[in-house]
Amino acid sequence: MLAAFPRIPYIPTLPNRGGLLEAIVVADAEHLPGGVVRDSGSWSTGAPTPPRRRWSGSCSTTSNGTQSPTGSVKPTGRGFHAMLGRDLSDALLVKCQVTGPVTFGMQVVDETRRPILYDPEYADLLGKLLGLRARWCEETMRERMGARATLVVLSEPYLASLGSAVVPVDAGVAASAIEDIAALLDGGFGIHCCANTDWGFVLGLAPPAVVSIDAWTYAREFLLYADDIARYMERGGGVVAWGGIVPADHAVFAAESPDSFFSRFQDVRARATETIDPTSSTASH
C-alpha cells in the first residue's frame, strides 16, 4: 500500500488476517459499553444499566503509546498498529476509516437482536463514542506516524436505510451523531457510502470535506442531486471521491481494463459538468 500510494497512504484493514475481530464494526466496538462479540457479530448485552453510567469517554489518546479507552488494541487493529512504526511525514495526508454511527448502530444489536440505533440512550452515545475513536485515530496518525494532515472517513453503507420503510433510520438521529463526530476532529472529515442514499442529506451535513461514492454502481443516482453536488463543491472546496469507479467485485473488475474505467469516468464527469463549472478549482476533483 505504501508503495502504491506514497503521497496519500491509508491505514489498511485486514479482515482476512484476523477474522471476525478485524471486521471494521467489531474493531470499532472494542469499547462499546457492555459489548460482547459472538460468532455472528458484535452484540451489546442489553443490560438494564444505562450505558453512560458504565462508560467514561473523557480520554482519547496518549502520546507515549499507552492504551487509550478509545484506542485500538492489536487483535482488532493489526493494520493500524503495523503503521505505527512508519514515518509518514513526507505524505500529503494520511487517511483512515472508522465505522459511521448509522452503520454501527444498525449492525450492533442488543439481546433481542434490535439494532442499538433504535435505543435512544445508545443512539445518543454513538456519536460521542465513535467521535472519540476517530479523534484517537487522528491524533495517533499525527503523533506516531508524523502525518502533516489527516483524513478520517466514516464508512456508512447503512445510510441506504434513510427513508426505508423496512429498516428505517431517523435522519435527525443520523445527522446528530455524524455532526458529533465531525465536531471532535481537527483535520479532514469524510463520509463514504457504497450504497445509494439521500445524497442531498449527506452533502448538507456539517459539511464533510470528502464525500466518497461507489461511482461504478451509483453514479447515475448520485448525479440526480446535481444541484446539491454543485452547492457542496462550490461553497467551500468540498471534494467528491469518484474512486468507486473501480468496482470492488473482483469478477467485474477482471472483465474491465484501465481504458474502460477511464472511459466510464469521462462519461460520469461529462454529466457532472453539465451542472458544475469544469473550470472551477473544485470540479477538477
Protein backbone atom coordinates (compact mmCIF):
# COMPACT_ATOMS: atom_id res chain seq x y z
CA MET A 1 0.00 0.00 0.00
CA LEU A 2 2.83 2.40 0.83
CA ALA A 3 4.50 1.57 -2.47
CA ALA A 4 1.29 2.26 -4.41
CA PHE A 5 0.16 5.39 -2.53
CA PRO A 6 3.24 7.08 -1.02
CA ARG A 7 1.74 10.59 -1.17
CA ILE A 8 -1.68 9.77 0.28
CA PRO A 9 -1.35 6.48 2.18
CA TYR A 10 -4.25 5.00 4.08
CA ILE A 11 -4.48 2.67 7.06
CA PRO A 12 -5.41 -0.79 5.77
CA THR A 13 -7.94 -3.05 7.45
CA LEU A 14 -7.13 -6.76 7.30
CA PRO A 15 -10.30 -8.83 7.85
CA ASN A 16 -8.82 -11.93 6.22
CA ARG A 17 -5.86 -11.78 8.60
CA GLY A 18 -7.78 -11.64 11.87
CA GLY A 19 -11.22 -12.99 11.01
CA LEU A 20 -14.19 -11.53 12.84
CA LEU A 21 -12.08 -9.42 15.21
CA GLU A 22 -10.64 -7.46 12.26
CA ALA A 23 -14.06 -6.66 10.77
CA ILE A 24 -14.44 -2.89 10.93
CA VAL A 25 -17.64 -2.78 13.01
CA VAL A 26 -16.29 -5.27 15.54
CA ALA A 27 -12.97 -3.45 15.74
CA ASP A 28 -14.70 -0.14 16.47
CA ALA A 29 -16.93 -1.87 19.05
CA GLU A 30 -13.98 -2.61 21.36
CA HIS A 31 -15.07 0.00 23.88
CA LEU A 32 -18.84 -0.33 23.50
CA PRO A 33 -20.43 -0.36 26.96
CA GLY A 34 -21.49 -3.90 27.77
CA GLY A 35 -20.33 -5.13 24.39
CA VAL A 36 -19.68 -8.78 23.68
CA VAL A 37 -18.57 -10.46 20.46
CA ARG A 38 -20.40 -13.55 19.32
CA ASP A 39 -19.79 -15.83 16.34
CA SER A 40 -22.33 -13.92 14.31
CA GLY A 41 -21.01 -10.45 15.06
CA SER A 42 -20.78 -7.79 17.72
CA TRP A 43 -23.61 -7.52 20.22
CA SER A 44 -24.37 -5.31 23.18
CA THR A 45 -25.56 -7.06 26.30
CA GLY A 46 -28.77 -5.10 26.57
CA ALA A 47 -28.21 -4.86 30.32
CA PRO A 48 -30.69 -2.56 32.10
CA THR A 49 -27.97 -0.23 33.43
CA PRO A 50 -27.93 2.91 31.25
CA PRO A 51 -24.79 2.81 29.10
CA ARG A 52 -23.42 6.21 30.03
CA ARG A 53 -23.20 5.09 33.67
CA ARG A 54 -20.90 2.27 32.61
CA TRP A 55 -18.53 4.18 30.36
CA SER A 56 -16.50 7.32 30.57
CA GLY A 57 -15.44 8.96 27.33
CA SER A 58 -13.12 11.53 28.85
CA CYS A 59 -9.89 10.13 27.37
CA SER A 60 -8.91 9.64 23.77
CA THR A 61 -5.18 9.10 23.36
CA THR A 62 -1.76 9.36 24.89
CA SER A 63 1.35 10.42 23.01
CA ASN A 64 3.62 7.93 24.79
CA GLY A 65 1.86 4.92 23.31
CA THR A 66 -0.11 3.71 26.32
CA GLN A 67 -3.52 2.24 25.53
CA SER A 68 -6.40 4.66 25.43
CA PRO A 69 -10.01 3.86 26.38
CA THR A 70 -10.99 4.72 22.81
CA GLY A 71 -7.91 3.40 21.05
CA SER A 72 -7.31 0.15 19.19
CA VAL A 73 -5.65 -2.99 20.51
CA LYS A 74 -3.66 -5.34 18.31
CA PRO A 75 -6.19 -8.18 17.93
CA THR A 76 -8.62 -5.75 16.31
CA GLY A 77 -6.27 -3.27 14.65
CA ARG A 78 -3.30 -5.08 13.09
CA GLY A 79 -3.16 -2.77 10.10
CA PHE A 80 -3.22 0.34 12.26
CA HIS A 81 -0.54 -1.00 14.59
CA ALA A 82 1.67 -2.06 11.68
CA MET A 83 1.62 1.58 10.52
CA LEU A 84 2.69 2.98 13.89
CA GLY A 85 6.34 2.32 13.14
CA ARG A 86 6.24 4.10 9.77
CA ASP A 87 7.45 7.63 9.18
CA LEU A 88 4.74 9.23 7.05
CA SER A 89 5.90 12.83 7.48
CA ASP A 90 6.52 13.20 3.73
CA ALA A 91 2.94 12.29 2.84
CA LEU A 92 0.44 14.95 1.81
CA LEU A 93 -2.06 13.37 4.19
CA VAL A 94 -2.79 10.05 5.87
CA LYS A 95 -6.25 8.53 5.70
CA CYS A 96 -8.04 6.08 7.96
CA GLN A 97 -11.56 4.73 8.22
CA VAL A 98 -13.95 4.45 11.17
CA THR A 99 -17.41 2.89 11.16
CA GLY A 100 -20.11 5.53 10.92
CA PRO A 101 -22.75 5.73 13.66
CA VAL A 102 -25.66 4.64 11.47
CA THR A 103 -23.88 1.54 10.19
CA PHE A 104 -22.52 0.79 13.65
CA GLY A 105 -25.89 1.31 15.31
CA MET A 106 -27.73 -0.87 12.79
CA GLN A 107 -25.24 -3.75 12.85
CA VAL A 108 -24.64 -3.91 16.59
CA VAL A 109 -27.71 -5.28 18.30
CA ASP A 110 -28.98 -5.95 21.82
CA GLU A 111 -30.04 -9.28 23.34
CA THR A 112 -33.33 -9.16 21.45
CA ARG A 113 -31.47 -8.51 18.15
CA ARG A 114 -32.83 -4.99 17.99
CA PRO A 115 -30.31 -2.52 16.48
CA ILE A 116 -28.94 -0.25 19.19
CA LEU A 117 -29.57 2.77 16.96
CA TYR A 118 -33.20 2.35 17.99
CA ASP A 119 -32.29 2.68 21.67
CA PRO A 120 -32.39 6.44 22.49
CA GLU A 121 -29.56 6.25 25.04
CA TYR A 122 -27.25 4.23 22.84
CA ALA A 123 -28.11 6.35 19.81
CA ASP A 124 -27.09 9.46 21.73
CA LEU A 125 -23.89 7.75 22.86
CA LEU A 126 -22.78 6.52 19.43
CA GLY A 127 -21.65 9.88 18.09
CA LYS A 128 -19.58 10.52 21.22
CA LEU A 129 -18.07 7.04 21.34
CA LEU A 130 -17.15 6.93 17.65
CA GLY A 131 -16.10 10.58 17.72
CA LEU A 132 -13.52 9.82 20.39
CA ARG A 133 -12.43 6.78 18.42
CA ALA A 134 -12.00 8.95 15.32
CA ARG A 135 -10.09 11.57 17.32
CA TRP A 136 -7.78 8.90 18.72
CA CYS A 137 -7.03 7.78 15.15
CA GLU A 138 -6.42 11.35 14.03
CA GLU A 139 -4.10 12.19 16.92
CA THR A 140 -2.25 8.89 16.63
CA MET A 141 -1.62 9.40 12.91
CA ARG A 142 -0.14 12.81 13.71
CA GLU A 143 1.86 11.89 16.80
CA ARG A 144 3.04 8.35 15.99
CA MET A 145 3.27 8.46 12.19
CA GLY A 146 4.24 12.10 11.72
CA ALA A 147 1.25 12.86 9.48
CA ARG A 148 1.15 16.53 8.46
CA ALA A 149 -2.54 16.27 7.57
CA THR A 150 -5.14 13.61 8.27
CA LEU A 151 -8.45 12.43 6.83
CA VAL A 152 -10.85 10.30 8.87
CA VAL A 153 -13.59 8.80 6.71
CA LEU A 154 -16.79 7.37 8.17
CA SER A 155 -17.86 4.14 6.48
CA GLU A 156 -21.65 4.45 6.19
CA PRO A 157 -23.28 1.88 3.86
CA TYR A 158 -26.35 1.83 6.12
CA LEU A 159 -27.20 5.37 5.08
CA ALA A 160 -29.07 3.49 2.36
CA SER A 161 -31.73 2.96 5.03
CA LEU A 162 -32.67 6.64 5.09
CA GLY A 163 -36.31 6.77 4.05
CA SER A 164 -36.67 2.98 4.13
CA ALA A 165 -39.97 1.55 5.37
CA VAL A 166 -38.33 -1.80 6.17
CA VAL A 167 -35.28 -0.75 8.23
CA PRO A 168 -35.93 2.93 8.87
CA VAL A 169 -33.23 5.32 10.03
CA ASP A 170 -34.21 8.66 11.52
CA ALA A 171 -32.41 11.41 9.61
CA GLY A 172 -32.24 13.64 12.71
CA VAL A 173 -30.59 10.90 14.78
CA ALA A 174 -28.11 10.20 11.97
CA ALA A 175 -27.25 13.89 11.48
CA SER A 176 -26.76 14.49 15.20
CA ALA A 177 -24.40 11.53 15.60
CA ILE A 178 -22.35 12.35 12.48
CA GLU A 179 -22.05 16.00 13.47
CA ASP A 180 -20.92 14.97 16.97
CA ILE A 181 -18.05 13.09 15.33
CA ALA A 182 -17.14 15.94 12.99
CA ALA A 183 -17.02 18.36 15.94
CA LEU A 184 -14.33 16.28 17.66
CA LEU A 185 -11.96 16.26 14.68
CA ASP A 186 -9.34 18.89 13.88
CA GLY A 187 -8.32 17.51 10.49
CA GLY A 188 -10.19 16.31 7.45
CA PHE A 189 -13.51 14.50 7.81
CA GLY A 190 -15.22 12.43 5.14
CA ILE A 191 -18.16 10.10 4.55
CA HIS A 192 -18.09 7.00 2.37
CA CYS A 193 -21.32 5.30 1.32
CA CYS A 194 -21.02 2.38 -1.08
CA ALA A 195 -24.80 2.20 -1.49
CA ASN A 196 -27.43 4.59 -2.78
CA THR A 197 -28.85 7.09 -0.28
CA ASP A 198 -30.37 10.52 0.12
CA TRP A 199 -27.30 12.34 -1.20
CA GLY A 200 -28.88 15.71 -0.51
CA PHE A 201 -28.86 14.79 3.18
CA VAL A 202 -25.21 13.67 3.09
CA LEU A 203 -23.99 16.71 1.15
CA GLY A 204 -25.86 19.03 3.50
CA LEU A 205 -24.14 17.76 6.66
CA ALA A 206 -21.65 19.83 8.62
CA PRO A 207 -20.07 19.67 5.84
CA PRO A 208 -17.73 16.73 5.14
CA ALA A 209 -14.52 17.65 3.32
CA VAL A 210 -14.83 14.48 1.22
CA VAL A 211 -17.85 12.51 0.05
CA SER A 212 -16.85 9.12 -1.33
CA ILE A 213 -19.23 7.12 -3.52
CA ASP A 214 -19.49 3.88 -5.48
CA ALA A 215 -19.38 5.57 -8.85
CA TRP A 216 -19.33 2.29 -10.75
CA THR A 217 -22.78 1.32 -9.48
CA TYR A 218 -24.45 4.54 -8.34
CA ALA A 219 -23.07 7.47 -10.37
CA ARG A 220 -26.39 7.91 -12.18
CA GLU A 221 -28.35 8.06 -8.90
CA PHE A 222 -25.76 10.38 -7.32
CA LEU A 223 -25.96 12.81 -10.25
CA LEU A 224 -29.71 13.16 -9.74
CA TYR A 225 -28.60 15.50 -6.94
CA ALA A 226 -26.56 17.68 -9.31
CA ASP A 227 -27.67 20.96 -7.72
CA ASP A 228 -26.77 19.70 -4.23
CA ILE A 229 -23.41 18.48 -5.54
CA ALA A 230 -22.68 21.85 -7.12
CA ARG A 231 -23.52 23.72 -3.91
CA TYR A 232 -21.37 21.31 -1.89
CA MET A 233 -18.35 21.62 -4.16
CA GLU A 234 -18.57 25.36 -4.68
CA ARG A 235 -19.35 26.58 -1.18
CA GLY A 236 -16.09 25.51 0.47
CA GLY A 237 -13.95 23.28 -1.67
CA GLY A 238 -15.77 20.02 -0.95
CA VAL A 239 -14.33 17.03 -2.80
CA VAL A 240 -16.26 14.16 -4.35
CA ALA A 241 -14.14 10.99 -4.40
CA TRP A 242 -15.06 9.09 -7.54
CA GLY A 243 -12.64 6.26 -6.73
CA GLY A 244 -15.54 3.86 -6.68
CA ILE A 245 -15.36 3.95 -10.47
CA VAL A 246 -13.17 0.86 -9.94
CA PRO A 247 -15.54 -1.94 -8.78
CA ALA A 248 -14.79 -3.86 -5.60
CA ASP A 249 -16.21 -7.07 -7.07
CA HIS A 250 -13.20 -8.92 -8.45
CA ALA A 251 -15.18 -10.71 -11.16
CA VAL A 252 -16.44 -7.38 -12.50
CA PHE A 253 -13.01 -5.78 -12.15
CA ALA A 254 -11.26 -8.61 -14.02
CA ALA A 255 -13.52 -8.13 -17.03
CA GLU A 256 -12.54 -4.46 -17.40
CA SER A 257 -9.37 -2.55 -18.30
CA PRO A 258 -7.79 0.79 -17.36
CA ASP A 259 -9.13 2.24 -20.61
CA SER A 260 -12.69 1.12 -19.90
CA PHE A 261 -12.53 2.55 -16.36
CA PHE A 262 -11.22 5.86 -17.71
CA SER A 263 -13.89 5.97 -20.39
CA ARG A 264 -16.59 5.35 -17.80
CA PHE A 265 -15.16 8.09 -15.59
CA GLN A 266 -15.13 10.52 -18.53
CA ASP A 267 -18.82 9.82 -19.11
CA VAL A 268 -19.59 10.49 -15.44
CA ARG A 269 -17.54 13.70 -15.47
CA ALA A 270 -19.27 14.91 -18.63
CA ARG A 271 -22.65 14.53 -16.97
CA ALA A 272 -21.43 16.21 -13.77
CA THR A 273 -20.05 19.24 -15.61
CA GLU A 274 -23.43 19.91 -17.20
CA THR A 275 -24.22 21.47 -13.79
CA ILE A 276 -20.80 22.10 -12.24
CA ASP A 277 -18.40 24.56 -13.88
CA PRO A 278 -15.49 22.39 -15.07
CA THR A 279 -13.05 25.32 -14.83
CA SER A 280 -13.68 25.78 -11.08
CA SER A 281 -10.99 24.58 -8.69
CA THR A 282 -13.34 22.08 -7.09
CA ALA A 283 -14.66 20.48 -10.28
CA SER A 284 -11.22 19.10 -11.09
CA HIS A 285 -11.62 16.70 -8.17
